[in-house]
């Protein structure tokens, strides 16, 4: 008599703005893959876009791409991972053969897929991933390991930016990703980082994590920032996705400085920049998309204590709490939420 197939619980987006807790077949590791018993998955702005049907979402979808957990099944051909290992994931999967992969621009792969975006992700009890995308996270707590993906995005931004040692910086946005960006700038050699956000609790946390100054937005903010830094900031960055914030960055940037566009703005948004300003003031404008082989740097920062993530965690919710977690993400400051982790074991 055949034993019944085992199942797992997963929070599934079944249609735009609809999430259901379902029983799905338990996945298994194939050749070159491992199965991970999910410890925690961070809730990200990308999950909100997927909930609305954007980013090419195909339903039903198990979202969640900021994943940590423990290897509990190892497929044939896996060399460096063992059952019981604490691991972090890079959710981005690439072909290795296209034009962009051959140039090392893996996150731009022409055949790109991603766990939790168009493949089953971490809002579930188990997830299967290629071993090449799974990183041992020894020396960290399981909660810390869940930050490897968003911090890997920050690490890629720092590799794009390469700030000068001793540079001054300002970051707009003190949500979880903004505070990771602030700490990444400090870990990369910036002497001080100013943070701007409308939520006072977030600014308090920014100061606790190393911000040199904090400001709330108001009509005279530009003047106040330039009073504090009369020659402008060597690095101006935003983690808001708000086009008006992006548009205002060059005016705050020092001669020879850099503008980092880090937040995810609406795809159809436009901003106005004066080309003469970029030319006459030797400004550099940089974008930074996702992460690119930067999980190891993120894990090193965490192990060394250069980036602290525990103070960012405000909520740990079970799989049934995914709708509440997405509501918190959609409403900054709601219930004091910063980083929300979905923990299937709760």
C-alpha atoms as a PDB file:
ATOM      1  CA  UNK A   1       0.000   0.000   0.000  1.00  0.00           C
ATOM      2  CA  UNK A   2       1.438   3.381  -1.057  1.00  0.00           C
ATOM      3  CA  UNK A   3       1.989   5.873   1.752  1.00  0.00           C
ATOM      4  CA  UNK A   4       0.123   9.154   1.332  1.00  0.00           C
ATOM      5  CA  UNK A   5       2.198  12.012  -0.074  1.00  0.00           C
ATOM      6  CA  UNK A   6       3.493  14.351   2.610  1.00  0.00           C
ATOM      7  CA  UNK A   7       2.409  17.970   2.536  1.00  0.00           C
ATOM      8  CA  UNK A   8       3.620  21.296   3.905  1.00  0.00           C
ATOM      9  CA  UNK A   9       1.949  24.558   4.805  1.00  0.00           C
ATOM     10  CA  UNK A  10       2.503  27.585   2.595  1.00  0.00           C
ATOM     11  CA  UNK A  11       1.057  31.093   2.305  1.00  0.00           C
ATOM     12  CA  UNK A  12       0.054  31.354  -1.355  1.00  0.00           C
ATOM     13  CA  UNK A  13      -0.909  34.426  -3.375  1.00  0.00           C
ATOM     14  CA  UNK A  14      -3.816  33.034  -5.386  1.00  0.00           C
ATOM     15  CA  UNK A  15      -4.820  36.242  -7.187  1.00  0.00           C
ATOM     16  CA  UNK A  16      -4.026  39.951  -6.859  1.00  0.00           C
ATOM     17  CA  UNK A  17      -4.569  40.988  -3.223  1.00  0.00           C
ATOM     18  CA  UNK A  18      -5.546  37.461  -2.163  1.00  0.00           C
ATOM     19  CA  UNK A  19      -3.445  35.248   0.127  1.00  0.00           C
ATOM     20  CA  UNK A  20      -4.468  31.791   1.318  1.00  0.00           C
ATOM     21  CA  UNK A  21      -2.844  29.323   3.706  1.00  0.00           C
ATOM     22  CA  UNK A  22      -2.644  26.059   1.775  1.00  0.00           C
ATOM     23  CA  UNK A  23      -1.353  22.517   2.079  1.00  0.00           C
ATOM     24  CA  UNK A  24       1.063  21.829  -0.804  1.00  0.00           C
ATOM     25  CA  UNK A  25       3.062  18.735  -1.731  1.00  0.00           C
ATOM     26  CA  UNK A  26       6.324  18.645   0.192  1.00  0.00           C
ATOM     27  CA  UNK A  27       9.157  19.318  -2.309  1.00  0.00           C
ATOM     28  CA  UNK A  28      12.312  17.213  -2.611  1.00  0.00           C
ATOM     29  CA  UNK A  29      15.869  18.013  -3.640  1.00  0.00           C
ATOM     30  CA  UNK A  30      16.928  16.922  -7.107  1.00  0.00           C
ATOM     31  CA  UNK A  31      20.465  16.678  -8.539  1.00  0.00           C
ATOM     32  CA  UNK A  32      22.558  19.672  -7.476  1.00  0.00           C
ATOM     33  CA  UNK A  33      19.826  20.907  -5.123  1.00  0.00           C
ATOM     34  CA  UNK A  34      19.138  21.049  -1.417  1.00  0.00           C
ATOM     35  CA  UNK A  35      15.895  21.252   0.461  1.00  0.00           C
ATOM     36  CA  UNK A  36      15.798  23.814   3.249  1.00  0.00           C
ATOM     37  CA  UNK A  37      13.551  23.768   6.276  1.00  0.00           C
ATOM     38  CA  UNK A  38      12.705  27.461   6.414  1.00  0.00           C
ATOM     39  CA  UNK A  39      13.535  29.234   9.657  1.00  0.00           C
ATOM     40  CA  UNK A  40      12.488  32.740   8.614  1.00  0.00           C
ATOM     41  CA  UNK A  41      11.730  34.796   5.526  1.00  0.00           C
ATOM     42  CA  UNK A  42      11.811  38.581   5.563  1.00  0.00           C
ATOM     43  CA  UNK A  43       8.941  40.569   4.078  1.00  0.00           C
ATOM     44  CA  UNK A  44      10.092  42.953   1.344  1.00  0.00           C
ATOM     45  CA  UNK A  45       8.605  45.650  -0.870  1.00  0.00           C
ATOM     46  CA  UNK A  46       8.946  43.236  -3.791  1.00  0.00           C
ATOM     47  CA  UNK A  47       6.359  41.021  -2.091  1.00  0.00           C
ATOM     48  CA  UNK A  48       3.899  43.929  -2.213  1.00  0.00           C
ATOM     49  CA  UNK A  49       4.490  44.377  -5.945  1.00  0.00           C
ATOM     50  CA  UNK A  50       3.894  40.650  -6.462  1.00  0.00           C
ATOM     51  CA  UNK A  51       0.718  40.822  -4.378  1.00  0.00           C
ATOM     52  CA  UNK A  52      -0.554  43.447  -6.843  1.00  0.00           C
ATOM     53  CA  UNK A  53       0.344  41.238  -9.807  1.00  0.00           C
ATOM     54  CA  UNK A  54       3.404  43.232 -10.880  1.00  0.00           C
ATOM     55  CA  UNK A  55       6.936  41.999 -11.716  1.00  0.00           C
ATOM     56  CA  UNK A  56       5.488  39.313 -14.007  1.00  0.00           C
ATOM     57  CA  UNK A  57       3.755  37.526 -11.124  1.00  0.00           C
ATOM     58  CA  UNK A  58       2.013  34.295 -12.094  1.00  0.00           C
ATOM     59  CA  UNK A  59      -0.510  32.898  -9.651  1.00  0.00           C
ATOM     60  CA  UNK A  60      -0.709  30.811  -7.582  1.00  0.00           C
ATOM     61  CA  UNK A  61       2.634  31.962  -6.153  1.00  0.00           C
ATOM     62  CA  UNK A  62       4.460  31.222  -2.916  1.00  0.00           C
ATOM     63  CA  UNK A  63       6.376  34.467  -2.433  1.00  0.00           C
ATOM     64  CA  UNK A  64       9.223  35.301  -0.038  1.00  0.00           C
ATOM     65  CA  UNK A  65      12.853  35.605  -1.136  1.00  0.00           C
ATOM     66  CA  UNK A  66      14.783  36.736   2.001  1.00  0.00           C
ATOM     67  CA  UNK A  67      15.244  33.199   3.298  1.00  0.00           C
ATOM     68  CA  UNK A  68      17.233  31.484   6.025  1.00  0.00           C
ATOM     69  CA  UNK A  69      16.910  27.930   7.234  1.00  0.00           C
ATOM     70  CA  UNK A  70      18.506  24.544   7.741  1.00  0.00           C
ATOM     71  CA  UNK A  71      19.453  22.029   5.080  1.00  0.00           C
ATOM     72  CA  UNK A  72      17.407  18.887   5.626  1.00  0.00           C
ATOM     73  CA  UNK A  73      17.772  17.047   2.305  1.00  0.00           C
ATOM     74  CA  UNK A  74      20.795  16.970  -0.025  1.00  0.00           C
ATOM     75  CA  UNK A  75      20.470  15.970  -3.678  1.00  0.00           C
ATOM     76  CA  UNK A  76      23.060  14.059  -5.724  1.00  0.00           C
ATOM     77  CA  UNK A  77      26.130  16.049  -6.734  1.00  0.00           C
ATOM     78  CA  UNK A  78      26.015  18.599  -3.898  1.00  0.00           C
ATOM     79  CA  UNK A  79      29.555  19.097  -2.595  1.00  0.00           C
ATOM     80  CA  UNK A  80      29.692  21.726   0.138  1.00  0.00           C
ATOM     81  CA  UNK A  81      26.468  21.437   2.125  1.00  0.00           C
ATOM     82  CA  UNK A  82      25.343  18.914   4.717  1.00  0.00           C
ATOM     83  CA  UNK A  83      22.105  18.169   6.492  1.00  0.00           C
ATOM     84  CA  UNK A  84      21.711  20.439   9.500  1.00  0.00           C
ATOM     85  CA  UNK A  85      23.732  23.339   8.058  1.00  0.00           C
ATOM     86  CA  UNK A  86      22.364  26.823   8.760  1.00  0.00           C
ATOM     87  CA  UNK A  87      22.215  28.572   5.388  1.00  0.00           C
ATOM     88  CA  UNK A  88      21.229  31.802   3.660  1.00  0.00           C
ATOM     89  CA  UNK A  89      19.986  32.057   0.093  1.00  0.00           C
ATOM     90  CA  UNK A  90      20.574  34.193  -2.944  1.00  0.00           C
ATOM     91  CA  UNK A  91      17.151  33.782  -4.581  1.00  0.00           C
ATOM     92  CA  UNK A  92      18.323  34.823  -8.046  1.00  0.00           C
ATOM     93  CA  UNK A  93      18.939  31.993 -10.497  1.00  0.00           C
ATOM     94  CA  UNK A  94      20.744  32.548 -13.786  1.00  0.00           C
ATOM     95  CA  UNK A  95      21.607  30.554 -16.889  1.00  0.00           C
ATOM     96  CA  UNK A  96      25.361  31.242 -16.994  1.00  0.00           C
ATOM     97  CA  UNK A  97      25.280  31.295 -20.805  1.00  0.00           C
ATOM     98  CA  UNK A  98      23.654  34.525 -21.977  1.00  0.00           C
ATOM     99  CA  UNK A  99      25.371  37.813 -22.836  1.00  0.00           C
ATOM    100  CA  UNK A 100      24.927  39.275 -19.343  1.00  0.00           C
ATOM    101  CA  UNK A 101      25.957  36.152 -17.447  1.00  0.00           C
ATOM    102  CA  UNK A 102      29.130  35.901 -19.511  1.00  0.00           C
ATOM    103  CA  UNK A 103      29.922  39.482 -18.479  1.00  0.00           C
ATOM    104  CA  UNK A 104      29.359  38.685 -14.811  1.00  0.00           C
ATOM    105  CA  UNK A 105      26.096  40.674 -14.679  1.00  0.00           C
ATOM    106  CA  UNK A 106      24.178  37.708 -13.322  1.00  0.00           C
ATOM    107  CA  UNK A 107      21.214  39.639 -11.927  1.00  0.00           C
ATOM    108  CA  UNK A 108      20.500  40.802 -15.503  1.00  0.00           C
ATOM    109  CA  UNK A 109      20.397  37.252 -16.899  1.00  0.00           C
ATOM    110  CA  UNK A 110      18.191  37.043 -19.992  1.00  0.00           C
ATOM    111  CA  UNK A 111      16.636  33.880 -18.527  1.00  0.00           C
ATOM    112  CA  UNK A 112      16.496  35.100 -14.946  1.00  0.00           C
ATOM    113  CA  UNK A 113      14.232  33.406 -12.428  1.00  0.00           C
ATOM    114  CA  UNK A 114      14.033  33.911  -8.676  1.00  0.00           C
ATOM    115  CA  UNK A 115      12.794  32.003  -5.670  1.00  0.00           C
ATOM    116  CA  UNK A 116       9.755  33.772  -4.294  1.00  0.00           C
ATOM    117  CA  UNK A 117       9.229  35.812  -7.466  1.00  0.00           C
ATOM    118  CA  UNK A 118       8.454  33.326 -10.223  1.00  0.00           C
ATOM    119  CA  UNK A 119       9.505  30.137  -8.415  1.00  0.00           C
ATOM    120  CA  UNK A 120       8.251  28.835  -5.051  1.00  0.00           C
ATOM    121  CA  UNK A 121       9.771  30.866  -2.221  1.00  0.00           C
ATOM    122  CA  UNK A 122      10.111  31.057   1.503  1.00  0.00           C
ATOM    123  CA  UNK A 123       6.577  31.706   2.762  1.00  0.00           C
ATOM    124  CA  UNK A 124       6.417  27.958   3.296  1.00  0.00           C
ATOM    125  CA  UNK A 125       7.791  25.272   5.568  1.00  0.00           C
ATOM    126  CA  UNK A 126      10.270  24.060   2.939  1.00  0.00           C
ATOM    127  CA  UNK A 127      11.972  25.462  -0.139  1.00  0.00           C
ATOM    128  CA  UNK A 128      14.245  23.762  -2.680  1.00  0.00           C
ATOM    129  CA  UNK A 129      17.181  25.672  -4.169  1.00  0.00           C
ATOM    130  CA  UNK A 130      20.237  24.971  -6.322  1.00  0.00           C
ATOM    131  CA  UNK A 131      23.263  24.423  -4.100  1.00  0.00           C
ATOM    132  CA  UNK A 132      25.153  27.160  -5.989  1.00  0.00           C
ATOM    133  CA  UNK A 133      22.691  29.697  -4.561  1.00  0.00           C
ATOM    134  CA  UNK A 134      22.915  28.473  -0.961  1.00  0.00           C
ATOM    135  CA  UNK A 135      25.555  29.866   1.427  1.00  0.00           C
ATOM    136  CA  UNK A 136      26.660  28.418   4.771  1.00  0.00           C
ATOM    137  CA  UNK A 137      25.818  30.904   7.520  1.00  0.00           C
ATOM    138  CA  UNK A 138      27.857  29.468  10.376  1.00  0.00           C
ATOM    139  CA  UNK A 139      28.610  31.926  13.151  1.00  0.00           C
ATOM    140  CA  UNK A 140      25.277  33.717  12.730  1.00  0.00           C
ATOM    141  CA  UNK A 141      21.862  33.316  14.262  1.00  0.00           C
ATOM    142  CA  UNK A 142      19.087  32.076  11.964  1.00  0.00           C
ATOM    143  CA  UNK A 143      17.420  35.502  12.182  1.00  0.00           C
ATOM    144  CA  UNK A 144      20.625  37.237  11.104  1.00  0.00           C
ATOM    145  CA  UNK A 145      20.984  34.880   8.158  1.00  0.00           C
ATOM    146  CA  UNK A 146      17.563  35.970   6.872  1.00  0.00           C
ATOM    147  CA  UNK A 147      19.089  39.404   6.115  1.00  0.00           C
ATOM    148  CA  UNK A 148      21.694  38.039   3.688  1.00  0.00           C
ATOM    149  CA  UNK A 149      19.625  38.863   0.606  1.00  0.00           C
ATOM    150  CA  UNK A 150      18.652  42.487   1.384  1.00  0.00           C
ATOM    151  CA  UNK A 151      22.114  43.166   2.781  1.00  0.00           C
ATOM    152  CA  UNK A 152      23.550  41.567  -0.355  1.00  0.00           C
ATOM    153  CA  UNK A 153      21.648  44.222  -2.324  1.00  0.00           C
ATOM    154  CA  UNK A 154      23.327  46.895  -0.179  1.00  0.00           C
ATOM    155  CA  UNK A 155      26.704  45.242  -0.743  1.00  0.00           C
ATOM    156  CA  UNK A 156      26.161  45.408  -4.510  1.00  0.00           C
ATOM    157  CA  UNK A 157      25.269  49.084  -4.158  1.00  0.00           C
ATOM    158  CA  UNK A 158      28.547  49.656  -2.314  1.00  0.00           C
ATOM    159  CA  UNK A 159      30.513  47.857  -5.027  1.00  0.00           C
ATOM    160  CA  UNK A 160      28.859  50.094  -7.595  1.00  0.00           C
ATOM    161  CA  UNK A 161      29.451  53.209  -5.507  1.00  0.00           C
ATOM    162  CA  UNK A 162      32.874  52.548  -3.930  1.00  0.00           C
ATOM    163  CA  UNK A 163      32.664  55.619  -1.664  1.00  0.00           C
ATOM    164  CA  UNK A 164      35.834  57.455  -0.788  1.00  0.00           C
ATOM    165  CA  UNK A 165      37.216  56.794   2.673  1.00  0.00           C
ATOM    166  CA  UNK A 166      35.935  59.536   4.969  1.00  0.00           C
ATOM    167  CA  UNK A 167      33.088  60.543   2.648  1.00  0.00           C
ATOM    168  CA  UNK A 168      29.991  62.268   3.962  1.00  0.00           C
ATOM    169  CA  UNK A 169      26.617  60.778   3.024  1.00  0.00           C
ATOM    170  CA  UNK A 170      22.896  61.365   3.369  1.00  0.00           C
ATOM    171  CA  UNK A 171      20.263  58.636   3.058  1.00  0.00           C
ATOM    172  CA  UNK A 172      16.573  59.349   2.511  1.00  0.00           C
ATOM    173  CA  UNK A 173      14.419  56.618   4.007  1.00  0.00           C
ATOM    174  CA  UNK A 174      14.911  54.845   7.333  1.00  0.00           C
ATOM    175  CA  UNK A 175      12.919  51.716   6.735  1.00  0.00           C
ATOM    176  CA  UNK A 176      14.742  48.420   7.116  1.00  0.00           C
ATOM    177  CA  UNK A 177      16.505  48.682   3.744  1.00  0.00           C
ATOM    178  CA  UNK A 178      17.437  52.331   4.352  1.00  0.00           C
ATOM    179  CA  UNK A 179      19.014  51.455   7.695  1.00  0.00           C
ATOM    180  CA  UNK A 180      20.904  48.571   6.088  1.00  0.00           C
ATOM    181  CA  UNK A 181      22.101  51.027   3.430  1.00  0.00           C
ATOM    182  CA  UNK A 182      23.182  53.497   6.114  1.00  0.00           C
ATOM    183  CA  UNK A 183      25.214  50.794   7.858  1.00  0.00           C
ATOM    184  CA  UNK A 184      26.666  49.604   4.558  1.00  0.00           C
ATOM    185  CA  UNK A 185      27.925  53.120   3.838  1.00  0.00           C
ATOM    186  CA  UNK A 186      29.584  53.254   7.248  1.00  0.00           C
ATOM    187  CA  UNK A 187      31.086  49.781   6.768  1.00  0.00           C
ATOM    188  CA  UNK A 188      32.441  50.932   3.388  1.00  0.00           C
ATOM    189  CA  UNK A 189      34.361  53.876   4.812  1.00  0.00           C
ATOM    190  CA  UNK A 190      31.974  56.811   5.059  1.00  0.00           C
ATOM    191  CA  UNK A 191      32.840  58.988   8.050  1.00  0.00           C
ATOM    192  CA  UNK A 192      29.257  59.967   8.769  1.00  0.00           C
ATOM    193  CA  UNK A 193      25.772  59.338   7.421  1.00  0.00           C
ATOM    194  CA  UNK A 194      22.814  61.692   7.822  1.00  0.00           C
ATOM    195  CA  UNK A 195      19.364  60.095   7.643  1.00  0.00           C
ATOM    196  CA  UNK A 196      16.042  61.659   6.641  1.00  0.00           C
ATOM    197  CA  UNK A 197      12.662  60.051   7.395  1.00  0.00           C
ATOM    198  CA  UNK A 198       9.225  61.285   8.516  1.00  0.00           C
ATOM    199  CA  UNK A 199       8.852  58.679  11.298  1.00  0.00           C
ATOM    200  CA  UNK A 200      10.569  59.652  14.552  1.00  0.00           C
ATOM    201  CA  UNK A 201      10.850  56.062  15.820  1.00  0.00           C
ATOM    202  CA  UNK A 202      12.799  55.193  12.689  1.00  0.00           C
ATOM    203  CA  UNK A 203      15.116  58.145  13.197  1.00  0.00           C
ATOM    204  CA  UNK A 204      15.708  57.091  16.787  1.00  0.00           C
ATOM    205  CA  UNK A 205      16.725  53.646  15.529  1.00  0.00           C
ATOM    206  CA  UNK A 206      18.938  55.253  12.885  1.00  0.00           C
ATOM    207  CA  UNK A 207      20.816  57.124  15.610  1.00  0.00           C
ATOM    208  CA  UNK A 208      21.152  53.929  17.642  1.00  0.00           C
ATOM    209  CA  UNK A 209      22.686  52.202  14.621  1.00  0.00           C
ATOM    210  CA  UNK A 210      25.196  54.962  13.911  1.00  0.00           C
ATOM    211  CA  UNK A 211      23.571  57.876  12.055  1.00  0.00           C
ATOM    212  CA  UNK A 212      25.514  61.072  12.681  1.00  0.00           C
ATOM    213  CA  UNK A 213      22.440  63.308  12.237  1.00  0.00           C
ATOM    214  CA  UNK A 214      18.748  62.786  11.559  1.00  0.00           C
ATOM    215  CA  UNK A 215      16.108  65.057  10.034  1.00  0.00           C
ATOM    216  CA  UNK A 216      12.394  64.928   9.330  1.00  0.00           C
ATOM    217  CA  UNK A 217      11.142  66.253   5.965  1.00  0.00           C
ATOM    218  CA  UNK A 218       9.785  69.807   5.952  1.00  0.00           C
ATOM    219  CA  UNK A 219       9.603  72.807   3.649  1.00  0.00           C
ATOM    220  CA  UNK A 220      13.104  74.088   4.496  1.00  0.00           C
ATOM    221  CA  UNK A 221      14.816  70.685   4.658  1.00  0.00           C
ATOM    222  CA  UNK A 222      17.227  71.418   1.808  1.00  0.00           C
ATOM    223  CA  UNK A 223      18.453  74.591   3.509  1.00  0.00           C
ATOM    224  CA  UNK A 224      18.788  72.816   6.840  1.00  0.00           C
ATOM    225  CA  UNK A 225      20.803  69.976   5.308  1.00  0.00           C
ATOM    226  CA  UNK A 226      23.099  72.400   3.513  1.00  0.00           C
ATOM    227  CA  UNK A 227      23.545  74.406   6.703  1.00  0.00           C
ATOM    228  CA  UNK A 228      24.834  71.201   8.286  1.00  0.00           C
ATOM    229  CA  UNK A 229      26.981  70.348   5.218  1.00  0.00           C
ATOM    230  CA  UNK A 230      27.615  73.655   3.405  1.00  0.00           C
ATOM    231  CA  UNK A 231      29.438  72.057   0.452  1.00  0.00           C
ATOM    232  CA  UNK A 232      26.907  69.245   0.067  1.00  0.00           C
ATOM    233  CA  UNK A 233      27.320  65.526   0.653  1.00  0.00           C
ATOM    234  CA  UNK A 234      29.848  63.348  -1.117  1.00  0.00           C
ATOM    235  CA  UNK A 235      27.161  60.661  -1.434  1.00  0.00           C
ATOM    236  CA  UNK A 236      23.421  61.262  -1.653  1.00  0.00           C
ATOM    237  CA  UNK A 237      21.235  58.160  -1.661  1.00  0.00           C
ATOM    238  CA  UNK A 238      17.587  57.260  -1.413  1.00  0.00           C
ATOM    239  CA  UNK A 239      15.844  54.114  -0.221  1.00  0.00           C
ATOM    240  CA  UNK A 240      12.314  55.402  -0.730  1.00  0.00           C
ATOM    241  CA  UNK A 241      11.394  54.808  -4.366  1.00  0.00           C
ATOM    242  CA  UNK A 242       9.815  58.283  -4.349  1.00  0.00           C
ATOM    243  CA  UNK A 243      10.604  60.158  -7.599  1.00  0.00           C
ATOM    244  CA  UNK A 244      10.515  63.583  -5.927  1.00  0.00           C
ATOM    245  CA  UNK A 245      13.239  62.445  -3.527  1.00  0.00           C
ATOM    246  CA  UNK A 246      15.403  61.251  -6.418  1.00  0.00           C
ATOM    247  CA  UNK A 247      14.912  64.565  -8.207  1.00  0.00           C
ATOM    248  CA  UNK A 248      16.133  66.506  -5.182  1.00  0.00           C
ATOM    249  CA  UNK A 249      19.369  64.577  -4.654  1.00  0.00           C
ATOM    250  CA  UNK A 250      21.710  66.393  -7.102  1.00  0.00           C
ATOM    251  CA  UNK A 251      21.128  69.747  -5.370  1.00  0.00           C
ATOM    252  CA  UNK A 252      22.420  68.203  -2.133  1.00  0.00           C
ATOM    253  CA  UNK A 253      25.440  66.534  -3.715  1.00  0.00           C
ATOM    254  CA  UNK A 254      28.938  67.984  -3.380  1.00  0.00           C
ATOM    255  CA  UNK A 255      31.059  68.814  -6.416  1.00  0.00           C
ATOM    256  CA  UNK A 256      32.507  65.544  -7.652  1.00  0.00           C
ATOM    257  CA  UNK A 257      29.961  63.620  -5.600  1.00  0.00           C
ATOM    258  CA  UNK A 258      27.773  60.615  -6.307  1.00  0.00           C
ATOM    259  CA  UNK A 259      24.019  60.126  -6.437  1.00  0.00           C
ATOM    260  CA  UNK A 260      22.831  56.582  -5.672  1.00  0.00           C
ATOM    261  CA  UNK A 261      19.333  55.588  -6.793  1.00  0.00           C
ATOM    262  CA  UNK A 262      18.648  52.567  -4.592  1.00  0.00           C
ATOM    263  CA  UNK A 263      14.883  52.524  -3.980  1.00  0.00           C
ATOM    264  CA  UNK A 264      12.363  50.981  -6.376  1.00  0.00           C
ATOM    265  CA  UNK A 265      10.355  53.754  -8.029  1.00  0.00           C
ATOM    266  CA  UNK A 266       7.235  53.111 -10.133  1.00  0.00           C
ATOM    267  CA  UNK A 267       8.200  51.880 -13.592  1.00  0.00           C
ATOM    268  CA  UNK A 268       6.470  54.784 -15.343  1.00  0.00           C
ATOM    269  CA  UNK A 269       7.888  57.507 -13.060  1.00  0.00           C
ATOM    270  CA  UNK A 270      10.049  60.331 -14.448  1.00  0.00           C
ATOM    271  CA  UNK A 271      12.267  62.943 -12.824  1.00  0.00           C
ATOM    272  CA  UNK A 272      13.782  66.145 -14.166  1.00  0.00           C
ATOM    273  CA  UNK A 273      17.556  66.597 -13.930  1.00  0.00           C
ATOM    274  CA  UNK A 274      19.577  69.489 -15.311  1.00  0.00           C
ATOM    275  CA  UNK A 275      22.329  68.018 -17.512  1.00  0.00           C
ATOM    276  CA  UNK A 276      24.371  71.174 -17.018  1.00  0.00           C
ATOM    277  CA  UNK A 277      24.510  70.484 -13.268  1.00  0.00           C
ATOM    278  CA  UNK A 278      25.827  66.987 -13.846  1.00  0.00           C
ATOM    279  CA  UNK A 279      28.401  68.348 -16.274  1.00  0.00           C
ATOM    280  CA  UNK A 280      29.496  71.483 -14.452  1.00  0.00           C
ATOM    281  CA  UNK A 281      29.661  69.886 -10.996  1.00  0.00           C
ATOM    282  CA  UNK A 282      31.236  66.567 -12.069  1.00  0.00           C
ATOM    283  CA  UNK A 283      28.377  64.548 -10.604  1.00  0.00           C
ATOM    284  CA  UNK A 284      27.926  60.805 -11.004  1.00  0.00           C
ATOM    285  CA  UNK A 285      24.476  59.211 -10.975  1.00  0.00           C
ATOM    286  CA  UNK A 286      24.385  55.474 -10.237  1.00  0.00           C
ATOM    287  CA  UNK A 287      21.675  52.867 -10.163  1.00  0.00           C
ATOM    288  CA  UNK A 288      21.975  49.646  -8.196  1.00  0.00           C
ATOM    289  CA  UNK A 289      19.789  46.679  -9.087  1.00  0.00           C
ATOM    290  CA  UNK A 290      19.347  43.669  -6.807  1.00  0.00           C
ATOM    291  CA  UNK A 291      22.480  41.761  -5.792  1.00  0.00           C
ATOM    292  CA  UNK A 292      25.273  40.140  -7.744  1.00  0.00           C
ATOM    293  CA  UNK A 293      27.385  37.497  -5.977  1.00  0.00           C
ATOM    294  CA  UNK A 294      27.427  39.728  -2.895  1.00  0.00           C
ATOM    295  CA  UNK A 295      25.895  37.415  -0.285  1.00  0.00           C
ATOM    296  CA  UNK A 296      29.413  36.485   0.971  1.00  0.00           C
ATOM    297  CA  UNK A 297      30.206  40.147   1.687  1.00  0.00           C
ATOM    298  CA  UNK A 298      26.857  40.545   3.453  1.00  0.00           C
ATOM    299  CA  UNK A 299      27.573  37.501   5.622  1.00  0.00           C
ATOM    300  CA  UNK A 300      31.059  38.831   6.434  1.00  0.00           C
ATOM    301  CA  UNK A 301      29.606  42.170   7.542  1.00  0.00           C
ATOM    302  CA  UNK A 302      27.155  40.339   9.794  1.00  0.00           C
ATOM    303  CA  UNK A 303      29.798  38.059  11.299  1.00  0.00           C
ATOM    304  CA  UNK A 304      32.101  41.002  11.981  1.00  0.00           C
ATOM    305  CA  UNK A 305      29.323  43.029  13.598  1.00  0.00           C
ATOM    306  CA  UNK A 306      29.771  45.809  11.044  1.00  0.00           C
ATOM    307  CA  UNK A 307      26.035  45.668  10.321  1.00  0.00           C
ATOM    308  CA  UNK A 308      23.497  45.063  13.084  1.00  0.00           C
ATOM    309  CA  UNK A 309      20.142  43.640  12.090  1.00  0.00           C
ATOM    310  CA  UNK A 310      18.526  42.441  15.323  1.00  0.00           C
ATOM    311  CA  UNK A 311      17.244  45.943  16.251  1.00  0.00           C
ATOM    312  CA  UNK A 312      15.426  46.079  12.900  1.00  0.00           C
ATOM    313  CA  UNK A 313      13.223  43.077  13.665  1.00  0.00           C
ATOM    314  CA  UNK A 314       9.928  44.259  15.132  1.00  0.00           C
ATOM    315  CA  UNK A 315       7.605  41.361  14.355  1.00  0.00           C
ATOM    316  CA  UNK A 316       7.842  37.585  13.935  1.00  0.00           C
ATOM    317  CA  UNK A 317       4.633  36.140  12.499  1.00  0.00           C
ATOM    318  CA  UNK A 318       3.494  32.635  11.496  1.00  0.00           C
ATOM    319  CA  UNK A 319       2.550  31.715   7.928  1.00  0.00           C
ATOM    320  CA  UNK A 320      -1.030  32.704   8.677  1.00  0.00           C
ATOM    321  CA  UNK A 321       0.264  36.221   9.391  1.00  0.00           C
ATOM    322  CA  UNK A 322       1.502  36.920   5.853  1.00  0.00           C
ATOM    323  CA  UNK A 323      -1.508  39.169   5.013  1.00  0.00           C
ATOM    324  CA  UNK A 324      -0.888  41.198   8.193  1.00  0.00           C
ATOM    325  CA  UNK A 325       2.818  41.420   7.381  1.00  0.00           C
ATOM    326  CA  UNK A 326       2.064  42.754   3.901  1.00  0.00           C
ATOM    327  CA  UNK A 327      -0.297  45.347   5.399  1.00  0.00           C
ATOM    328  CA  UNK A 328       2.511  46.483   7.698  1.00  0.00           C
ATOM    329  CA  UNK A 329       4.874  46.750   4.723  1.00  0.00           C
ATOM    330  CA  UNK A 330       2.351  48.813   2.793  1.00  0.00           C
ATOM    331  CA  UNK A 331       1.911  51.294   5.652  1.00  0.00           C
ATOM    332  CA  UNK A 332       5.263  52.597   6.948  1.00  0.00           C
ATOM    333  CA  UNK A 333       5.235  52.966  10.701  1.00  0.00           C
ATOM    334  CA  UNK A 334       2.036  50.898  11.088  1.00  0.00           C
ATOM    335  CA  UNK A 335       2.156  49.105  14.453  1.00  0.00           C
ATOM    336  CA  UNK A 336       5.768  50.261  14.751  1.00  0.00           C
ATOM    337  CA  UNK A 337       6.802  47.769  12.066  1.00  0.00           C
ATOM    338  CA  UNK A 338      10.293  47.760  10.651  1.00  0.00           C
ATOM    339  CA  UNK A 339      11.427  44.315   9.533  1.00  0.00           C
ATOM    340  CA  UNK A 340       8.780  41.623   9.708  1.00  0.00           C
ATOM    341  CA  UNK A 341       9.911  37.985   9.604  1.00  0.00           C
ATOM    342  CA  UNK A 342       7.622  35.145   8.647  1.00  0.00           C
ATOM    343  CA  UNK A 343       8.573  32.144  10.804  1.00  0.00           C
ATOM    344  CA  UNK A 344       6.828  28.918   9.702  1.00  0.00           C
ATOM    345  CA  UNK A 345       7.656  27.215  12.984  1.00  0.00           C
ATOM    346  CA  UNK A 346       5.479  29.578  15.026  1.00  0.00           C
END
